[in-house]
Amino acid sequence: MNYLIASDIHGSPSTLKKLISYIDKFDVSKVFLLGDLYYSGARNIPPSDYFPKDVVSLLNSIKDKVISVKGNCESDVDLMVSEFVIADDLYLNLFNKDIFLTHGHKYSFDNLPKFKCDIFIQGHTHISKIERKDGMLLLNPGSITLPKDNNKSFMIMNEEKVTLYDLDSLQVLKEEIL
């Protein structure tokens, strides 16, 4: 079973369409989104194709696959128009591993939750990361729209490994065995 992990769409339907096109290619059962779906926020320059309403429609079209956490740019209205779960944070058990998903503005690599997890996944920084620290796997898929590390990126995770891909070229940027 493959899970697609992405973050920080910030209202760009073109990058989201590209991401959605990989659902079948990678035989994805669920798409985990780490927040900042629709808006760019006051600190970011909006993408050239900034159409949050189109992003709402695209995400609702795959609502049965989407599980999302709330980012710092989400509002109560976003929860109302989204036909899928947008939780504050999520704690899951997949592949017999405890996994915590968060946007990254409350809990982060520098402010880990007090409870134990095997895999901690955040977005928010727009910088991709795969790193092991104190027995925990730390993951950040970066941003598919406004990357700060020059790679529009996302992750595919299954019971064997997690792989970071470049959104445009599908080049493997990094990989780690689970």
C-alpha atoms as a PDB file:
ATOM      1  CA  MET A   1       0.000   0.000   0.000  1.00  0.00           C
ATOM      2  CA  ASN A   2       1.428   3.378  -1.046  1.00  0.00           C
ATOM      3  CA  TYR A   3       0.738   6.704   0.628  1.00  0.00           C
ATOM      4  CA  LEU A   4       1.454  10.020  -1.054  1.00  0.00           C
ATOM      5  CA  ILE A   5       2.595  12.806   1.277  1.00  0.00           C
ATOM      6  CA  ALA A   6       2.560  16.454   0.169  1.00  0.00           C
ATOM      7  CA  SER A   7       2.379  19.886   1.715  1.00  0.00           C
ATOM      8  CA  ASP A   8       1.960  23.583   1.081  1.00  0.00           C
ATOM      9  CA  ILE A   9      -0.097  23.706  -2.122  1.00  0.00           C
ATOM     10  CA  HIS A  10      -0.884  27.375  -1.445  1.00  0.00           C
ATOM     11  CA  GLY A  11      -3.711  27.669  -3.977  1.00  0.00           C
ATOM     12  CA  SER A  12      -1.916  26.400  -7.107  1.00  0.00           C
ATOM     13  CA  PRO A  13      -4.149  24.154  -9.233  1.00  0.00           C
ATOM     14  CA  SER A  14      -1.400  23.414 -11.782  1.00  0.00           C
ATOM     15  CA  THR A  15       0.957  21.846  -9.258  1.00  0.00           C
ATOM     16  CA  LEU A  16      -1.939  20.013  -7.613  1.00  0.00           C
ATOM     17  CA  LYS A  17      -3.067  18.583 -10.990  1.00  0.00           C
ATOM     18  CA  LYS A  18       0.437  17.246 -11.535  1.00  0.00           C
ATOM     19  CA  LEU A  19       0.451  15.697  -8.048  1.00  0.00           C
ATOM     20  CA  ILE A  20      -2.980  14.124  -8.589  1.00  0.00           C
ATOM     21  CA  SER A  21      -1.748  12.605 -11.860  1.00  0.00           C
ATOM     22  CA  TYR A  22       0.699  10.504  -9.822  1.00  0.00           C
ATOM     23  CA  ILE A  23      -2.007   8.819  -7.726  1.00  0.00           C
ATOM     24  CA  ASP A  24      -2.553   6.075 -10.314  1.00  0.00           C
ATOM     25  CA  LYS A  25       1.096   5.935 -11.386  1.00  0.00           C
ATOM     26  CA  PHE A  26       2.187   5.085  -7.835  1.00  0.00           C
ATOM     27  CA  ASP A  27      -0.955   3.083  -6.955  1.00  0.00           C
ATOM     28  CA  VAL A  28      -1.694   5.434  -4.047  1.00  0.00           C
ATOM     29  CA  SER A  29      -4.372   4.410  -1.556  1.00  0.00           C
ATOM     30  CA  LYS A  30      -4.361   7.631   0.520  1.00  0.00           C
ATOM     31  CA  VAL A  31      -3.022  11.150   0.094  1.00  0.00           C
ATOM     32  CA  PHE A  32      -1.750  12.820   3.268  1.00  0.00           C
ATOM     33  CA  LEU A  33      -1.714  16.609   2.967  1.00  0.00           C
ATOM     34  CA  LEU A  34       0.166  18.595   5.593  1.00  0.00           C
ATOM     35  CA  GLY A  35      -1.728  21.878   5.391  1.00  0.00           C
ATOM     36  CA  ASP A  36      -1.633  25.276   3.702  1.00  0.00           C
ATOM     37  CA  LEU A  37      -3.864  23.980   0.943  1.00  0.00           C
ATOM     38  CA  TYR A  38      -5.625  27.045  -0.400  1.00  0.00           C
ATOM     39  CA  TYR A  39      -3.996  30.308   0.605  1.00  0.00           C
ATOM     40  CA  SER A  40      -0.520  31.725   0.274  1.00  0.00           C
ATOM     41  CA  GLY A  41      -0.499  33.713   3.516  1.00  0.00           C
ATOM     42  CA  ALA A  42       0.959  37.161   4.094  1.00  0.00           C
ATOM     43  CA  ARG A  43       4.584  35.987   3.974  1.00  0.00           C
ATOM     44  CA  ASN A  44       4.456  34.282   0.569  1.00  0.00           C
ATOM     45  CA  ILE A  45       4.072  35.709  -2.899  1.00  0.00           C
ATOM     46  CA  PRO A  46       1.053  33.908  -4.379  1.00  0.00           C
ATOM     47  CA  PRO A  47       1.859  31.462  -7.187  1.00  0.00           C
ATOM     48  CA  SER A  48       1.237  32.732 -10.720  1.00  0.00           C
ATOM     49  CA  ASP A  49      -1.785  30.437 -11.045  1.00  0.00           C
ATOM     50  CA  TYR A  50      -3.296  31.327  -7.665  1.00  0.00           C
ATOM     51  CA  PHE A  51      -6.870  29.998  -7.743  1.00  0.00           C
ATOM     52  CA  PRO A  52      -7.789  28.563  -4.324  1.00  0.00           C
ATOM     53  CA  LYS A  53     -11.352  27.792  -5.445  1.00  0.00           C
ATOM     54  CA  ASP A  54      -9.979  25.501  -8.185  1.00  0.00           C
ATOM     55  CA  VAL A  55      -7.797  23.744  -5.592  1.00  0.00           C
ATOM     56  CA  VAL A  56     -10.912  23.147  -3.464  1.00  0.00           C
ATOM     57  CA  SER A  57     -12.640  21.512  -6.463  1.00  0.00           C
ATOM     58  CA  LEU A  58      -9.618  19.380  -7.320  1.00  0.00           C
ATOM     59  CA  LEU A  59      -9.175  18.143  -3.761  1.00  0.00           C
ATOM     60  CA  ASN A  60     -12.890  17.458  -3.359  1.00  0.00           C
ATOM     61  CA  SER A  61     -12.734  15.380  -6.569  1.00  0.00           C
ATOM     62  CA  ILE A  62     -10.357  12.967  -4.758  1.00  0.00           C
ATOM     63  CA  LYS A  63     -11.947  13.369  -1.315  1.00  0.00           C
ATOM     64  CA  ASP A  64     -12.081   9.605  -0.680  1.00  0.00           C
ATOM     65  CA  LYS A  65      -8.284   9.479  -0.806  1.00  0.00           C
ATOM     66  CA  VAL A  66      -7.446  12.712   1.050  1.00  0.00           C
ATOM     67  CA  ILE A  67      -6.578  13.032   4.728  1.00  0.00           C
ATOM     68  CA  SER A  68      -5.271  16.439   5.740  1.00  0.00           C
ATOM     69  CA  VAL A  69      -3.996  18.362   8.712  1.00  0.00           C
ATOM     70  CA  LYS A  70      -4.650  22.037   9.218  1.00  0.00           C
ATOM     71  CA  GLY A  71      -1.898  24.486   8.316  1.00  0.00           C
ATOM     72  CA  ASN A  72      -1.317  27.975   9.621  1.00  0.00           C
ATOM     73  CA  CYS A  73      -3.025  29.429   6.513  1.00  0.00           C
ATOM     74  CA  GLU A  74      -6.265  27.402   6.854  1.00  0.00           C
ATOM     75  CA  SER A  75      -9.443  29.041   8.141  1.00  0.00           C
ATOM     76  CA  ASP A  76     -12.807  27.802   9.373  1.00  0.00           C
ATOM     77  CA  VAL A  77     -14.259  28.471   5.916  1.00  0.00           C
ATOM     78  CA  ASP A  78     -11.732  26.029   4.435  1.00  0.00           C
ATOM     79  CA  LEU A  79     -13.039  23.313   6.734  1.00  0.00           C
ATOM     80  CA  MET A  80     -16.578  24.031   5.518  1.00  0.00           C
ATOM     81  CA  VAL A  81     -15.810  23.815   1.769  1.00  0.00           C
ATOM     82  CA  SER A  82     -13.524  20.773   2.034  1.00  0.00           C
ATOM     83  CA  GLU A  83     -15.349  17.446   1.683  1.00  0.00           C
ATOM     84  CA  PHE A  84     -12.572  15.516   3.453  1.00  0.00           C
ATOM     85  CA  VAL A  85     -11.058  15.434   6.911  1.00  0.00           C
ATOM     86  CA  ILE A  86      -8.840  18.355   7.943  1.00  0.00           C
ATOM     87  CA  ALA A  87      -7.631  17.543  11.460  1.00  0.00           C
ATOM     88  CA  ASP A  88      -5.502  19.706  13.713  1.00  0.00           C
ATOM     89  CA  ASP A  89      -2.911  16.896  13.856  1.00  0.00           C
ATOM     90  CA  LEU A  90      -3.075  13.145  13.224  1.00  0.00           C
ATOM     91  CA  TYR A  91      -1.628  10.187  15.091  1.00  0.00           C
ATOM     92  CA  LEU A  92      -1.800   6.970  13.033  1.00  0.00           C
ATOM     93  CA  ASN A  93      -0.456   3.461  13.128  1.00  0.00           C
ATOM     94  CA  LEU A  94       0.668   2.259   9.697  1.00  0.00           C
ATOM     95  CA  PHE A  95       3.017  -0.640   8.961  1.00  0.00           C
ATOM     96  CA  ASN A  96       3.099  -1.286  12.726  1.00  0.00           C
ATOM     97  CA  LYS A  97       4.707   2.146  13.222  1.00  0.00           C
ATOM     98  CA  ASP A  98       3.319   5.086  15.174  1.00  0.00           C
ATOM     99  CA  ILE A  99       3.179   8.083  12.848  1.00  0.00           C
ATOM    100  CA  PHE A 100       2.408  11.689  13.757  1.00  0.00           C
ATOM    101  CA  LEU A 101       1.357  14.141  11.024  1.00  0.00           C
ATOM    102  CA  THR A 102       1.305  17.874  11.639  1.00  0.00           C
ATOM    103  CA  HIS A 103       1.716  21.033   9.637  1.00  0.00           C
ATOM    104  CA  GLY A 104       4.758  22.218  11.562  1.00  0.00           C
ATOM    105  CA  HIS A 105       3.720  25.573  13.001  1.00  0.00           C
ATOM    106  CA  LYS A 106       2.953  24.085  16.453  1.00  0.00           C
ATOM    107  CA  TYR A 107       4.927  20.857  16.584  1.00  0.00           C
ATOM    108  CA  SER A 108       8.116  20.691  14.531  1.00  0.00           C
ATOM    109  CA  PHE A 109      11.524  19.041  14.305  1.00  0.00           C
ATOM    110  CA  ASP A 110      12.604  21.599  16.921  1.00  0.00           C
ATOM    111  CA  ASN A 111       9.486  21.139  19.087  1.00  0.00           C
ATOM    112  CA  LEU A 112       8.581  17.447  18.994  1.00  0.00           C
ATOM    113  CA  PRO A 113       5.458  16.232  20.809  1.00  0.00           C
ATOM    114  CA  LYS A 114       5.947  14.731  24.273  1.00  0.00           C
ATOM    115  CA  PHE A 115       4.542  11.335  23.261  1.00  0.00           C
ATOM    116  CA  LYS A 116       6.558   8.715  21.407  1.00  0.00           C
ATOM    117  CA  CYS A 117       6.239   8.129  17.701  1.00  0.00           C
ATOM    118  CA  ASP A 118       8.359   6.220  15.197  1.00  0.00           C
ATOM    119  CA  ILE A 119       7.835   8.653  12.325  1.00  0.00           C
ATOM    120  CA  PHE A 120       7.217  12.400  12.672  1.00  0.00           C
ATOM    121  CA  ILE A 121       5.966  14.123   9.501  1.00  0.00           C
ATOM    122  CA  GLN A 122       5.614  17.885   9.091  1.00  0.00           C
ATOM    123  CA  GLY A 123       5.337  20.478   6.308  1.00  0.00           C
ATOM    124  CA  HIS A 124       5.381  24.258   6.840  1.00  0.00           C
ATOM    125  CA  THR A 125       9.063  25.021   6.157  1.00  0.00           C
ATOM    126  CA  HIS A 126       8.868  24.396   2.383  1.00  0.00           C
ATOM    127  CA  ILE A 127      12.177  22.518   2.756  1.00  0.00           C
ATOM    128  CA  SER A 128      12.240  18.750   2.196  1.00  0.00           C
ATOM    129  CA  LYS A 129      13.918  16.500   4.722  1.00  0.00           C
ATOM    130  CA  ILE A 130      14.489  12.838   5.489  1.00  0.00           C
ATOM    131  CA  GLU A 131      16.550  12.348   8.626  1.00  0.00           C
ATOM    132  CA  ARG A 132      16.884   9.977  11.573  1.00  0.00           C
ATOM    133  CA  LYS A 133      17.213  11.470  15.041  1.00  0.00           C
ATOM    134  CA  ASP A 134      17.133   9.635  18.368  1.00  0.00           C
ATOM    135  CA  GLY A 135      15.533   6.561  16.784  1.00  0.00           C
ATOM    136  CA  MET A 136      12.808   8.603  15.100  1.00  0.00           C
ATOM    137  CA  LEU A 137      12.408   9.165  11.366  1.00  0.00           C
ATOM    138  CA  LEU A 138      11.778  12.863  10.616  1.00  0.00           C
ATOM    139  CA  LEU A 139      10.087  13.652   7.293  1.00  0.00           C
ATOM    140  CA  ASN A 140       9.121  16.815   5.454  1.00  0.00           C
ATOM    141  CA  PRO A 141       7.970  16.543   1.817  1.00  0.00           C
ATOM    142  CA  GLY A 142       8.780  20.222   1.163  1.00  0.00           C
ATOM    143  CA  SER A 143       6.313  22.231  -0.921  1.00  0.00           C
ATOM    144  CA  ILE A 144       4.828  21.321  -4.290  1.00  0.00           C
ATOM    145  CA  THR A 145       4.272  25.012  -5.094  1.00  0.00           C
ATOM    146  CA  LEU A 146       6.617  27.368  -3.231  1.00  0.00           C
ATOM    147  CA  PRO A 147       9.764  25.400  -2.332  1.00  0.00           C
ATOM    148  CA  LYS A 148      12.550  27.113  -0.424  1.00  0.00           C
ATOM    149  CA  ASP A 149      15.067  24.431  -1.405  1.00  0.00           C
ATOM    150  CA  ASN A 150      14.501  24.747  -5.199  1.00  0.00           C
ATOM    151  CA  ASN A 151      12.713  21.386  -5.480  1.00  0.00           C
ATOM    152  CA  LYS A 152       8.961  21.133  -5.827  1.00  0.00           C
ATOM    153  CA  SER A 153       8.662  17.805  -4.055  1.00  0.00           C
ATOM    154  CA  PHE A 154       6.454  15.125  -2.519  1.00  0.00           C
ATOM    155  CA  MET A 155       6.918  11.729  -0.889  1.00  0.00           C
ATOM    156  CA  ILE A 156       5.698   8.199  -1.440  1.00  0.00           C
ATOM    157  CA  MET A 157       5.744   5.972   1.625  1.00  0.00           C
ATOM    158  CA  ASN A 158       5.049   2.260   1.900  1.00  0.00           C
ATOM    159  CA  GLU A 159       5.929  -0.464   4.400  1.00  0.00           C
ATOM    160  CA  GLU A 160       9.470  -0.740   3.020  1.00  0.00           C
ATOM    161  CA  LYS A 161      10.660   2.830   2.418  1.00  0.00           C
ATOM    162  CA  VAL A 162       9.907   6.505   1.991  1.00  0.00           C
ATOM    163  CA  THR A 163      11.009   8.217  -1.219  1.00  0.00           C
ATOM    164  CA  LEU A 164      11.265  11.943  -1.901  1.00  0.00           C
ATOM    165  CA  TYR A 165      10.483  12.835  -5.530  1.00  0.00           C
ATOM    166  CA  ASP A 166      10.879  15.979  -7.595  1.00  0.00           C
ATOM    167  CA  LEU A 167       7.354  16.933  -8.700  1.00  0.00           C
ATOM    168  CA  ASP A 168       8.318  17.910 -12.245  1.00  0.00           C
ATOM    169  CA  SER A 169      10.912  15.296 -13.227  1.00  0.00           C
ATOM    170  CA  LEU A 170      10.012  12.434 -10.842  1.00  0.00           C
ATOM    171  CA  GLN A 171      13.721  12.212 -10.049  1.00  0.00           C
ATOM    172  CA  VAL A 172      14.371  10.475  -6.741  1.00  0.00           C
ATOM    173  CA  LEU A 173      15.867  13.136  -4.466  1.00  0.00           C
ATOM    174  CA  LYS A 174      16.314  10.948  -1.394  1.00  0.00           C
ATOM    175  CA  GLU A 175      15.178   7.604  -0.034  1.00  0.00           C
ATOM    176  CA  GLU A 176      15.170   5.926   3.363  1.00  0.00           C
ATOM    177  CA  ILE A 177      14.315   2.392   4.444  1.00  0.00           C
ATOM    178  CA  LEU A 178      11.566   2.250   7.101  1.00  0.00           C
END
